[in-house]
Structures are given as structure tokens and as C-alpha cells.
């Protein structure tokens, strides 16, 4: 069983943790927008690479078949 001092210490800890959590909950919209832009840029690059590889393989197959 907890004594009175332990209960008081636990409640103080929980309030200080709540304050820390509230400070951490702030989000900078610019950071989120930059992350979304970076993700879109990466996705476009991956799409470009896939299309390039597919067209290169089609071109290579066409050259091999024609010879």
C-alpha cells in the first residue's frame, strides 16, 4: 500500500509528465508540409525509374528480336 508521501510524489510526477506531453504535442505545419513534399518527390522519382526500366527492357527485347 502507498503511503501519503508516495501518493503526493506520484501525482506530482504525473502532472509534470502531462506538462511535458503538452509541450511535445505542438506540431509545426511547415515540417509536415516539407515531409509531404519530400515524399511526393521521392514517389515521382521511383515512378520515373520504374517507367524507365520497363521502357529499357522493351527496347532491349526489341533489339534482340530484330537481330
N, C-alpha and C. Protein backbone atom coordinates (compact mmCIF):
# COMPACT_ATOMS: atom_id res chain seq x y z
N UNK A 1 0.84 -1.17 0.00
CA UNK A 1 0.00 0.00 0.00
C UNK A 1 0.89 1.24 0.00
N UNK A 2 0.47 2.28 -0.70
CA UNK A 2 1.24 3.50 -0.79
C UNK A 2 0.97 4.41 0.41
N UNK A 3 2.02 5.01 0.92
CA UNK A 3 1.79 5.96 1.99
C UNK A 3 1.47 7.33 1.38
N UNK A 4 1.20 8.28 2.22
CA UNK A 4 0.74 9.59 1.77
C UNK A 4 1.80 10.30 0.92
N UNK A 5 3.08 10.22 1.30
CA UNK A 5 4.15 10.88 0.56
C UNK A 5 4.31 10.29 -0.83
N UNK A 6 4.17 8.99 -0.94
CA UNK A 6 4.29 8.34 -2.23
C UNK A 6 3.16 8.76 -3.17
N UNK A 7 1.96 8.89 -2.62
CA UNK A 7 0.83 9.32 -3.42
C UNK A 7 1.04 10.73 -3.93
N UNK A 8 1.53 11.61 -3.08
CA UNK A 8 1.79 13.00 -3.47
C UNK A 8 2.89 13.05 -4.54
N UNK A 9 3.95 12.27 -4.36
CA UNK A 9 5.02 12.25 -5.34
C UNK A 9 4.53 11.72 -6.69
N UNK A 10 3.71 10.70 -6.65
CA UNK A 10 3.17 10.14 -7.89
C UNK A 10 2.29 11.15 -8.62
N UNK A 11 1.49 11.90 -7.88
CA UNK A 11 0.62 12.89 -8.52
C UNK A 11 1.45 14.03 -9.09
N UNK A 12 2.54 14.41 -8.39
CA UNK A 12 3.41 15.46 -8.91
C UNK A 12 4.12 15.00 -10.18
N UNK A 13 4.54 13.76 -10.21
CA UNK A 13 5.19 13.22 -11.39
C UNK A 13 4.23 13.18 -12.58
N UNK A 14 3.00 12.78 -12.31
CA UNK A 14 2.05 12.69 -13.42
C UNK A 14 1.71 14.07 -13.97
N UNK A 15 1.63 15.09 -13.12
CA UNK A 15 1.34 16.44 -13.63
C UNK A 15 2.54 16.99 -14.40
N UNK A 16 3.75 16.71 -13.94
CA UNK A 16 4.92 17.18 -14.69
C UNK A 16 5.03 16.45 -16.02
N UNK A 17 4.67 15.18 -16.05
CA UNK A 17 4.68 14.43 -17.30
C UNK A 17 3.62 14.96 -18.25
N UNK A 18 2.47 15.34 -17.73
CA UNK A 18 1.40 15.92 -18.55
C UNK A 18 1.87 17.22 -19.19
N UNK A 19 2.58 18.05 -18.43
CA UNK A 19 3.08 19.30 -18.98
C UNK A 19 4.08 19.05 -20.09
N UNK A 20 4.96 18.05 -19.91
CA UNK A 20 5.93 17.70 -20.94
C UNK A 20 5.21 17.20 -22.19
N UNK A 21 4.19 16.40 -22.01
CA UNK A 21 3.44 15.87 -23.15
C UNK A 21 2.75 17.00 -23.91
N UNK A 22 2.20 17.96 -23.18
CA UNK A 22 1.51 19.07 -23.83
C UNK A 22 2.49 19.89 -24.67
N UNK A 23 3.71 20.07 -24.20
CA UNK A 23 4.71 20.81 -24.97
C UNK A 23 5.12 20.04 -26.21
N UNK A 24 5.17 18.72 -26.12
CA UNK A 24 5.58 17.89 -27.24
C UNK A 24 4.47 17.75 -28.28
N UNK A 25 3.25 18.04 -27.92
CA UNK A 25 2.13 17.87 -28.84
C UNK A 25 2.05 18.96 -29.89
N UNK A 26 2.84 20.00 -29.77
CA UNK A 26 2.84 21.07 -30.78
C UNK A 26 3.49 20.55 -32.04
N UNK A 27 2.85 20.87 -33.16
CA UNK A 27 3.35 20.40 -34.45
C UNK A 27 3.55 21.60 -35.35
N UNK A 28 4.71 21.65 -35.98
CA UNK A 28 4.99 22.73 -36.92
C UNK A 28 4.48 22.31 -38.29
N UNK A 29 3.57 23.07 -38.85
CA UNK A 29 2.93 22.72 -40.12
C UNK A 29 3.95 22.73 -41.25
N UNK A 30 4.97 23.58 -41.16
CA UNK A 30 5.99 23.63 -42.21
C UNK A 30 6.79 22.34 -42.28
N UNK A 31 7.07 21.74 -41.14
CA UNK A 31 7.78 20.47 -41.12
C UNK A 31 6.94 19.39 -41.79
N UNK A 32 5.65 19.39 -41.48
CA UNK A 32 4.76 18.40 -42.09
C UNK A 32 4.64 18.60 -43.60
N UNK A 33 4.53 19.85 -44.03
CA UNK A 33 4.44 20.13 -45.46
C UNK A 33 5.72 19.74 -46.18
N UNK A 34 6.85 20.02 -45.58
CA UNK A 34 8.12 19.63 -46.20
C UNK A 34 8.24 18.11 -46.30
N UNK A 35 7.76 17.41 -45.30
CA UNK A 35 7.80 15.95 -45.33
C UNK A 35 6.90 15.42 -46.44
N UNK A 36 5.73 16.01 -46.62
CA UNK A 36 4.82 15.58 -47.68
C UNK A 36 5.44 15.86 -49.05
N UNK A 37 6.05 17.04 -49.20
CA UNK A 37 6.71 17.38 -50.47
C UNK A 37 7.84 16.42 -50.77
N UNK A 38 8.62 16.09 -49.77
CA UNK A 38 9.74 15.16 -49.97
C UNK A 38 9.23 13.77 -50.35
N UNK A 39 8.13 13.34 -49.72
CA UNK A 39 7.55 12.05 -50.06
C UNK A 39 7.04 12.03 -51.50
N UNK A 40 6.39 13.10 -51.91
CA UNK A 40 5.89 13.18 -53.29
C UNK A 40 7.04 13.17 -54.29
N UNK A 41 8.10 13.89 -53.97
CA UNK A 41 9.26 13.94 -54.85
C UNK A 41 9.89 12.56 -54.98
N UNK A 42 10.00 11.86 -53.86
CA UNK A 42 10.56 10.51 -53.86
C UNK A 42 9.67 9.56 -54.67
N UNK A 43 8.36 9.71 -54.51
CA UNK A 43 7.42 8.87 -55.23
C UNK A 43 7.52 9.11 -56.75
N UNK A 44 7.65 10.37 -57.15
CA UNK A 44 7.80 10.69 -58.58
C UNK A 44 9.08 10.08 -59.14
N UNK A 45 10.16 10.16 -58.37
CA UNK A 45 11.44 9.60 -58.80
C UNK A 45 11.33 8.08 -58.97
N UNK A 46 10.69 7.41 -58.02
CA UNK A 46 10.51 5.97 -58.11
C UNK A 46 9.67 5.60 -59.33
N UNK A 47 8.61 6.37 -59.57
CA UNK A 47 7.76 6.11 -60.74
C UNK A 47 8.56 6.29 -62.02
N UNK A 48 9.36 7.34 -62.08
CA UNK A 48 10.20 7.59 -63.25
C UNK A 48 11.18 6.44 -63.48
N UNK A 49 11.79 5.93 -62.40
CA UNK A 49 12.72 4.83 -62.52
C UNK A 49 12.04 3.55 -63.02
N UNK A 50 10.86 3.27 -62.53
CA UNK A 50 10.13 2.07 -62.97
C UNK A 50 9.77 2.18 -64.44
N UNK A 51 9.27 3.34 -64.86
CA UNK A 51 8.91 3.53 -66.26
C UNK A 51 10.15 3.43 -67.15
N UNK A 52 11.25 3.99 -66.68
CA UNK A 52 12.50 3.92 -67.45
C UNK A 52 12.98 2.48 -67.59
N UNK A 53 12.92 1.71 -66.53
CA UNK A 53 13.35 0.31 -66.59
C UNK A 53 12.45 -0.52 -67.50
N UNK A 54 11.16 -0.27 -67.45
CA UNK A 54 10.24 -1.01 -68.31
C UNK A 54 10.50 -0.66 -69.77
N UNK A 55 10.66 0.63 -70.08
CA UNK A 55 10.90 1.00 -71.47
C UNK A 55 12.26 0.51 -71.94
N UNK A 56 13.26 0.50 -71.09
CA UNK A 56 14.57 -0.02 -71.46
C UNK A 56 14.50 -1.52 -71.75
N UNK A 57 13.74 -2.24 -70.94
CA UNK A 57 13.61 -3.68 -71.18
C UNK A 57 12.84 -3.95 -72.48
N UNK A 58 11.83 -3.16 -72.78
CA UNK A 58 11.10 -3.32 -74.04
C UNK A 58 12.01 -3.01 -75.21
N UNK A 59 12.79 -1.96 -75.11
CA UNK A 59 13.72 -1.59 -76.17
C UNK A 59 14.79 -2.67 -76.37
N UNK A 60 15.32 -3.18 -75.28
CA UNK A 60 16.34 -4.23 -75.38
C UNK A 60 15.76 -5.50 -75.99
N UNK A 61 14.55 -5.85 -75.61
CA UNK A 61 13.89 -7.03 -76.18
C UNK A 61 13.66 -6.82 -77.66
N UNK A 62 13.24 -5.64 -78.05
CA UNK A 62 13.03 -5.35 -79.47
C UNK A 62 14.32 -5.43 -80.26
N UNK A 63 15.41 -4.95 -79.72
CA UNK A 63 16.70 -5.04 -80.41
C UNK A 63 17.18 -6.48 -80.55
N UNK A 64 17.00 -7.27 -79.50
CA UNK A 64 17.43 -8.67 -79.53
C UNK A 64 16.60 -9.45 -80.54
N UNK A 65 15.29 -9.21 -80.59
CA UNK A 65 14.42 -9.92 -81.51
C UNK A 65 14.72 -9.53 -82.97
N UNK A 66 15.03 -8.26 -83.20
CA UNK A 66 15.27 -7.80 -84.56
C UNK A 66 16.60 -8.28 -85.12
N UNK A 67 17.52 -8.64 -84.28
CA UNK A 67 18.84 -9.14 -84.77
C UNK A 67 18.70 -10.58 -85.01
